[in-house]
């Protein structure tokens, strides 16, 4: 069992986390959910012991997640459990809710527990207003728990960011950038076209 002393030390660069004074454990956060003090309408998540707000999702963000789910479930749903916008449990102090997770295809299908780092094969965040947090605090958090592959579908610069080689404190050691029209190699899923994952931009023909 992970102890407090064994937890990764992450340099915070997120103002909302730094300004939040009280810290919560994962068990305390789960207890608040079970007691009904927190629900889906609260739009929060636990990051590094802090309960932080999640940004509202715009139309393009929602569309991108919708089409991402359709593509990944159709092509990889027999190999992984596909989870859209559902929490994962990171020991002691975090319960983020990534936009998309491919998890190990286990028999219980997480009926009584949430996926833990060993269960998570790929995390995907769709980023517009959340880009700074997804590149910063969340990238460091996912890397510190050994998540081997992390994608950001960047709707600001309109590119896919492939994060590999996780480290305990410095985030991902290998970050690659791909635009629509390009093909990239995912260690987990093989060669993929960015066009299959990022929606068309406004001036492209349907």
C-alpha atoms as a PDB file:
ATOM      1  CA  UNK A   1       0.000   0.000   0.000  1.00  0.00           C
ATOM      2  CA  UNK A   2       1.311   3.457  -0.928  1.00  0.00           C
ATOM      3  CA  UNK A   3       2.235   5.632   2.033  1.00  0.00           C
ATOM      4  CA  UNK A   4       2.255   9.403   2.253  1.00  0.00           C
ATOM      5  CA  UNK A   5       6.057   9.313   2.151  1.00  0.00           C
ATOM      6  CA  UNK A   6       5.947   7.339  -1.110  1.00  0.00           C
ATOM      7  CA  UNK A   7       3.618   9.741  -2.900  1.00  0.00           C
ATOM      8  CA  UNK A   8       5.087  11.547  -5.904  1.00  0.00           C
ATOM      9  CA  UNK A   9       6.151  15.147  -5.289  1.00  0.00           C
ATOM     10  CA  UNK A  10       4.713  17.361  -8.008  1.00  0.00           C
ATOM     11  CA  UNK A  11       5.498  21.044  -8.397  1.00  0.00           C
ATOM     12  CA  UNK A  12       2.122  22.762  -8.642  1.00  0.00           C
ATOM     13  CA  UNK A  13       1.670  25.311 -11.412  1.00  0.00           C
ATOM     14  CA  UNK A  14      -2.113  25.607 -11.232  1.00  0.00           C
ATOM     15  CA  UNK A  15      -3.331  28.737  -9.446  1.00  0.00           C
ATOM     16  CA  UNK A  16      -6.629  27.170  -8.358  1.00  0.00           C
ATOM     17  CA  UNK A  17      -4.800  24.332  -6.617  1.00  0.00           C
ATOM     18  CA  UNK A  18      -2.320  26.667  -4.971  1.00  0.00           C
ATOM     19  CA  UNK A  19      -5.066  28.942  -3.620  1.00  0.00           C
ATOM     20  CA  UNK A  20      -7.131  26.082  -2.160  1.00  0.00           C
ATOM     21  CA  UNK A  21      -6.139  25.784   1.517  1.00  0.00           C
ATOM     22  CA  UNK A  22      -7.768  22.534   2.573  1.00  0.00           C
ATOM     23  CA  UNK A  23      -6.525  19.154   1.390  1.00  0.00           C
ATOM     24  CA  UNK A  24      -8.690  16.051   1.047  1.00  0.00           C
ATOM     25  CA  UNK A  25      -7.783  12.391   0.800  1.00  0.00           C
ATOM     26  CA  UNK A  26      -9.255  10.083  -1.786  1.00  0.00           C
ATOM     27  CA  UNK A  27     -11.241   8.262   0.924  1.00  0.00           C
ATOM     28  CA  UNK A  28     -12.711  11.535   2.212  1.00  0.00           C
ATOM     29  CA  UNK A  29     -13.687  12.559  -1.299  1.00  0.00           C
ATOM     30  CA  UNK A  30     -15.328   9.171  -1.964  1.00  0.00           C
ATOM     31  CA  UNK A  31     -17.213   9.529   1.339  1.00  0.00           C
ATOM     32  CA  UNK A  32     -18.585  12.923   0.280  1.00  0.00           C
ATOM     33  CA  UNK A  33     -19.817  11.401  -2.976  1.00  0.00           C
ATOM     34  CA  UNK A  34     -21.388   8.420  -1.176  1.00  0.00           C
ATOM     35  CA  UNK A  35     -23.139  10.727   1.310  1.00  0.00           C
ATOM     36  CA  UNK A  36     -24.573  12.884  -1.463  1.00  0.00           C
ATOM     37  CA  UNK A  37     -22.578  16.001  -0.606  1.00  0.00           C
ATOM     38  CA  UNK A  38     -21.067  15.923  -4.092  1.00  0.00           C
ATOM     39  CA  UNK A  39     -22.877  14.972  -7.280  1.00  0.00           C
ATOM     40  CA  UNK A  40     -22.562  15.292 -11.048  1.00  0.00           C
ATOM     41  CA  UNK A  41     -24.099  18.759 -10.922  1.00  0.00           C
ATOM     42  CA  UNK A  42     -21.169  20.040  -8.836  1.00  0.00           C
ATOM     43  CA  UNK A  43     -18.717  19.686 -11.752  1.00  0.00           C
ATOM     44  CA  UNK A  44     -15.609  19.230  -9.613  1.00  0.00           C
ATOM     45  CA  UNK A  45     -12.714  16.772  -9.411  1.00  0.00           C
ATOM     46  CA  UNK A  46     -10.017  15.956  -6.857  1.00  0.00           C
ATOM     47  CA  UNK A  47      -6.491  16.909  -7.936  1.00  0.00           C
ATOM     48  CA  UNK A  48      -3.526  16.601  -5.573  1.00  0.00           C
ATOM     49  CA  UNK A  49      -5.816  16.786  -2.562  1.00  0.00           C
ATOM     50  CA  UNK A  50      -7.686  19.865  -3.810  1.00  0.00           C
ATOM     51  CA  UNK A  51     -11.308  19.946  -4.953  1.00  0.00           C
ATOM     52  CA  UNK A  52     -11.228  22.056  -8.112  1.00  0.00           C
ATOM     53  CA  UNK A  53     -13.841  23.207 -10.595  1.00  0.00           C
ATOM     54  CA  UNK A  54     -14.144  21.647 -14.029  1.00  0.00           C
ATOM     55  CA  UNK A  55     -14.736  24.041 -16.912  1.00  0.00           C
ATOM     56  CA  UNK A  56     -18.000  23.946 -18.820  1.00  0.00           C
ATOM     57  CA  UNK A  57     -17.718  22.093 -22.124  1.00  0.00           C
ATOM     58  CA  UNK A  58     -18.276  24.035 -25.322  1.00  0.00           C
ATOM     59  CA  UNK A  59     -19.988  22.703 -28.437  1.00  0.00           C
ATOM     60  CA  UNK A  60     -16.751  21.744 -30.226  1.00  0.00           C
ATOM     61  CA  UNK A  61     -15.363  20.049 -27.107  1.00  0.00           C
ATOM     62  CA  UNK A  62     -18.536  17.978 -26.697  1.00  0.00           C
ATOM     63  CA  UNK A  63     -18.574  17.063 -30.381  1.00  0.00           C
ATOM     64  CA  UNK A  64     -14.929  16.005 -30.286  1.00  0.00           C
ATOM     65  CA  UNK A  65     -15.484  13.709 -27.275  1.00  0.00           C
ATOM     66  CA  UNK A  66     -18.608  12.267 -28.898  1.00  0.00           C
ATOM     67  CA  UNK A  67     -16.791  11.402 -32.155  1.00  0.00           C
ATOM     68  CA  UNK A  68     -13.730  10.163 -30.254  1.00  0.00           C
ATOM     69  CA  UNK A  69     -15.926   7.749 -28.331  1.00  0.00           C
ATOM     70  CA  UNK A  70     -17.552   6.515 -31.533  1.00  0.00           C
ATOM     71  CA  UNK A  71     -14.195   5.867 -33.200  1.00  0.00           C
ATOM     72  CA  UNK A  72     -12.398   4.247 -30.253  1.00  0.00           C
ATOM     73  CA  UNK A  73     -15.304   2.032 -29.234  1.00  0.00           C
ATOM     74  CA  UNK A  74     -15.821   0.871 -32.817  1.00  0.00           C
ATOM     75  CA  UNK A  75     -12.156   0.012 -33.359  1.00  0.00           C
ATOM     76  CA  UNK A  76     -10.888  -0.976 -29.907  1.00  0.00           C
ATOM     77  CA  UNK A  77     -13.968  -1.748 -27.794  1.00  0.00           C
ATOM     78  CA  UNK A  78     -13.238  -5.476 -27.951  1.00  0.00           C
ATOM     79  CA  UNK A  79      -9.757  -4.973 -26.438  1.00  0.00           C
ATOM     80  CA  UNK A  80     -10.370  -2.333 -23.770  1.00  0.00           C
ATOM     81  CA  UNK A  81     -13.076  -0.920 -21.547  1.00  0.00           C
ATOM     82  CA  UNK A  82     -13.912   2.494 -22.983  1.00  0.00           C
ATOM     83  CA  UNK A  83     -14.761   5.096 -20.347  1.00  0.00           C
ATOM     84  CA  UNK A  84     -15.977   8.566 -21.288  1.00  0.00           C
ATOM     85  CA  UNK A  85     -15.789  11.289 -18.635  1.00  0.00           C
ATOM     86  CA  UNK A  86     -15.561   8.836 -15.723  1.00  0.00           C
ATOM     87  CA  UNK A  87     -13.246   9.134 -12.683  1.00  0.00           C
ATOM     88  CA  UNK A  88     -10.064   7.184 -12.095  1.00  0.00           C
ATOM     89  CA  UNK A  89      -8.599   6.661  -8.608  1.00  0.00           C
ATOM     90  CA  UNK A  90      -5.006   7.762  -8.064  1.00  0.00           C
ATOM     91  CA  UNK A  91      -3.702   6.738  -4.627  1.00  0.00           C
ATOM     92  CA  UNK A  92      -4.370   8.900  -1.590  1.00  0.00           C
ATOM     93  CA  UNK A  93      -5.066  12.298  -3.109  1.00  0.00           C
ATOM     94  CA  UNK A  94      -6.534  12.473  -6.626  1.00  0.00           C
ATOM     95  CA  UNK A  95      -9.632  11.455  -8.542  1.00  0.00           C
ATOM     96  CA  UNK A  96      -9.463  13.178 -11.926  1.00  0.00           C
ATOM     97  CA  UNK A  97     -12.167  12.705 -14.539  1.00  0.00           C
ATOM     98  CA  UNK A  98     -10.388  12.481 -17.915  1.00  0.00           C
ATOM     99  CA  UNK A  99     -12.423  13.047 -21.042  1.00  0.00           C
ATOM    100  CA  UNK A 100     -11.581   9.516 -22.161  1.00  0.00           C
ATOM    101  CA  UNK A 101      -9.823   6.442 -20.796  1.00  0.00           C
ATOM    102  CA  UNK A 102      -9.010   3.072 -22.291  1.00  0.00           C
ATOM    103  CA  UNK A 103      -8.787   0.646 -19.373  1.00  0.00           C
ATOM    104  CA  UNK A 104      -7.836  -3.007 -19.067  1.00  0.00           C
ATOM    105  CA  UNK A 105     -10.648  -5.318 -20.096  1.00  0.00           C
ATOM    106  CA  UNK A 106     -11.156  -6.912 -16.687  1.00  0.00           C
ATOM    107  CA  UNK A 107     -13.978  -9.313 -15.868  1.00  0.00           C
ATOM    108  CA  UNK A 108     -15.642  -7.128 -13.202  1.00  0.00           C
ATOM    109  CA  UNK A 109     -15.618  -4.114 -15.590  1.00  0.00           C
ATOM    110  CA  UNK A 110     -15.145  -1.783 -12.606  1.00  0.00           C
ATOM    111  CA  UNK A 111     -18.587  -2.554 -11.245  1.00  0.00           C
ATOM    112  CA  UNK A 112     -17.506  -2.069  -7.614  1.00  0.00           C
ATOM    113  CA  UNK A 113     -14.299  -0.037  -7.861  1.00  0.00           C
ATOM    114  CA  UNK A 114     -12.755   2.656  -9.993  1.00  0.00           C
ATOM    115  CA  UNK A 115      -9.798   2.086 -12.336  1.00  0.00           C
ATOM    116  CA  UNK A 116      -6.418   2.554 -10.678  1.00  0.00           C
ATOM    117  CA  UNK A 117      -3.135   3.405 -12.431  1.00  0.00           C
ATOM    118  CA  UNK A 118      -2.358  -0.236 -13.230  1.00  0.00           C
ATOM    119  CA  UNK A 119      -5.730  -0.494 -14.993  1.00  0.00           C
ATOM    120  CA  UNK A 120      -5.328   2.598 -17.158  1.00  0.00           C
ATOM    121  CA  UNK A 121      -3.836   1.989 -20.604  1.00  0.00           C
ATOM    122  CA  UNK A 122      -4.433   5.408 -22.188  1.00  0.00           C
ATOM    123  CA  UNK A 123      -5.767   8.773 -21.012  1.00  0.00           C
ATOM    124  CA  UNK A 124      -7.112  11.397 -23.421  1.00  0.00           C
ATOM    125  CA  UNK A 125      -7.996  14.977 -22.548  1.00  0.00           C
ATOM    126  CA  UNK A 126      -9.786  17.255 -25.013  1.00  0.00           C
ATOM    127  CA  UNK A 127      -8.401  20.710 -24.316  1.00  0.00           C
ATOM    128  CA  UNK A 128      -9.559  24.220 -25.077  1.00  0.00           C
ATOM    129  CA  UNK A 129      -9.967  26.360 -21.948  1.00  0.00           C
ATOM    130  CA  UNK A 130      -8.273  23.565 -19.936  1.00  0.00           C
ATOM    131  CA  UNK A 131      -5.116  23.371 -22.066  1.00  0.00           C
ATOM    132  CA  UNK A 132      -2.776  24.834 -19.430  1.00  0.00           C
ATOM    133  CA  UNK A 133      -3.960  22.412 -16.736  1.00  0.00           C
ATOM    134  CA  UNK A 134      -3.952  19.428 -19.124  1.00  0.00           C
ATOM    135  CA  UNK A 135      -0.362  20.172 -20.176  1.00  0.00           C
ATOM    136  CA  UNK A 136       0.773  21.063 -16.665  1.00  0.00           C
ATOM    137  CA  UNK A 137      -0.757  19.645 -13.487  1.00  0.00           C
ATOM    138  CA  UNK A 138      -2.589  16.765 -15.151  1.00  0.00           C
ATOM    139  CA  UNK A 139       0.346  15.692 -17.312  1.00  0.00           C
ATOM    140  CA  UNK A 140       2.611  15.626 -14.249  1.00  0.00           C
ATOM    141  CA  UNK A 141      -0.026  13.790 -12.231  1.00  0.00           C
ATOM    142  CA  UNK A 142      -0.624  11.094 -14.856  1.00  0.00           C
ATOM    143  CA  UNK A 143       3.103  10.659 -15.468  1.00  0.00           C
ATOM    144  CA  UNK A 144       3.905  10.391 -11.761  1.00  0.00           C
ATOM    145  CA  UNK A 145       1.654   7.333 -11.470  1.00  0.00           C
ATOM    146  CA  UNK A 146       3.167   5.673 -14.525  1.00  0.00           C
ATOM    147  CA  UNK A 147       0.385   6.187 -17.073  1.00  0.00           C
ATOM    148  CA  UNK A 148       2.372   5.135 -20.134  1.00  0.00           C
ATOM    149  CA  UNK A 149       0.477   7.041 -22.802  1.00  0.00           C
ATOM    150  CA  UNK A 150      -1.405  10.330 -22.618  1.00  0.00           C
ATOM    151  CA  UNK A 151      -2.979  12.286 -25.471  1.00  0.00           C
ATOM    152  CA  UNK A 152      -4.168  15.864 -25.542  1.00  0.00           C
ATOM    153  CA  UNK A 153      -6.549  16.731 -28.368  1.00  0.00           C
ATOM    154  CA  UNK A 154      -5.637  20.411 -28.478  1.00  0.00           C
ATOM    155  CA  UNK A 155      -8.535  22.456 -29.885  1.00  0.00           C
ATOM    156  CA  UNK A 156      -6.605  25.733 -29.516  1.00  0.00           C
ATOM    157  CA  UNK A 157      -3.622  24.919 -31.764  1.00  0.00           C
ATOM    158  CA  UNK A 158      -5.576  22.180 -33.522  1.00  0.00           C
ATOM    159  CA  UNK A 159      -3.168  19.332 -33.003  1.00  0.00           C
ATOM    160  CA  UNK A 160      -2.793  16.024 -31.218  1.00  0.00           C
ATOM    161  CA  UNK A 161      -0.136  15.941 -28.493  1.00  0.00           C
ATOM    162  CA  UNK A 162       1.289  12.491 -27.769  1.00  0.00           C
ATOM    163  CA  UNK A 163       2.905  12.220 -24.320  1.00  0.00           C
ATOM    164  CA  UNK A 164       5.186   9.227 -23.659  1.00  0.00           C
ATOM    165  CA  UNK A 165       7.965   8.142 -21.274  1.00  0.00           C
ATOM    166  CA  UNK A 166       6.448   9.144 -17.904  1.00  0.00           C
ATOM    167  CA  UNK A 167       8.712  10.315 -15.076  1.00  0.00           C
ATOM    168  CA  UNK A 168       7.917  10.613 -11.374  1.00  0.00           C
ATOM    169  CA  UNK A 169       8.365  14.376 -11.055  1.00  0.00           C
ATOM    170  CA  UNK A 170       8.952  16.017 -14.425  1.00  0.00           C
ATOM    171  CA  UNK A 171       5.934  14.861 -16.409  1.00  0.00           C
ATOM    172  CA  UNK A 172       6.447  13.091 -19.732  1.00  0.00           C
ATOM    173  CA  UNK A 173       9.915  12.905 -21.227  1.00  0.00           C
ATOM    174  CA  UNK A 174       8.727  12.606 -24.825  1.00  0.00           C
ATOM    175  CA  UNK A 175       6.037  14.906 -26.238  1.00  0.00           C
ATOM    176  CA  UNK A 176       5.207  14.807 -29.952  1.00  0.00           C
ATOM    177  CA  UNK A 177       2.859  17.093 -31.911  1.00  0.00           C
ATOM    178  CA  UNK A 178       0.741  16.048 -34.901  1.00  0.00           C
ATOM    179  CA  UNK A 179      -1.628  18.024 -37.127  1.00  0.00           C
ATOM    180  CA  UNK A 180      -4.634  16.903 -39.158  1.00  0.00           C
ATOM    181  CA  UNK A 181      -3.505  15.079 -42.268  1.00  0.00           C
ATOM    182  CA  UNK A 182      -0.658  13.380 -40.394  1.00  0.00           C
ATOM    183  CA  UNK A 183      -0.298   9.833 -39.068  1.00  0.00           C
ATOM    184  CA  UNK A 184       1.256   9.003 -35.705  1.00  0.00           C
ATOM    185  CA  UNK A 185       2.327   5.802 -33.989  1.00  0.00           C
ATOM    186  CA  UNK A 186       0.677   4.983 -30.672  1.00  0.00           C
ATOM    187  CA  UNK A 187       2.589   2.375 -28.642  1.00  0.00           C
ATOM    188  CA  UNK A 188      -0.770   1.020 -27.462  1.00  0.00           C
ATOM    189  CA  UNK A 189      -2.925   1.225 -30.597  1.00  0.00           C
ATOM    190  CA  UNK A 190      -0.499   1.303 -33.528  1.00  0.00           C
ATOM    191  CA  UNK A 191      -0.608   3.747 -36.441  1.00  0.00           C
ATOM    192  CA  UNK A 192      -3.523   6.182 -36.396  1.00  0.00           C
ATOM    193  CA  UNK A 193      -4.594   9.127 -38.532  1.00  0.00           C
ATOM    194  CA  UNK A 194      -5.060  12.399 -36.658  1.00  0.00           C
ATOM    195  CA  UNK A 195      -8.081  13.045 -38.916  1.00  0.00           C
ATOM    196  CA  UNK A 196      -9.838  10.129 -37.197  1.00  0.00           C
ATOM    197  CA  UNK A 197      -9.504  11.794 -33.796  1.00  0.00           C
ATOM    198  CA  UNK A 198      -9.715  15.557 -34.331  1.00  0.00           C
ATOM    199  CA  UNK A 199     -12.923  16.927 -35.896  1.00  0.00           C
ATOM    200  CA  UNK A 200     -12.854  18.962 -39.100  1.00  0.00           C
ATOM    201  CA  UNK A 201     -12.165  22.634 -38.632  1.00  0.00           C
ATOM    202  CA  UNK A 202     -14.712  25.172 -39.801  1.00  0.00           C
ATOM    203  CA  UNK A 203     -13.261  25.946 -43.203  1.00  0.00           C
ATOM    204  CA  UNK A 204     -12.918  22.301 -44.227  1.00  0.00           C
ATOM    205  CA  UNK A 205     -15.627  20.810 -46.411  1.00  0.00           C
ATOM    206  CA  UNK A 206     -17.938  18.243 -44.833  1.00  0.00           C
END
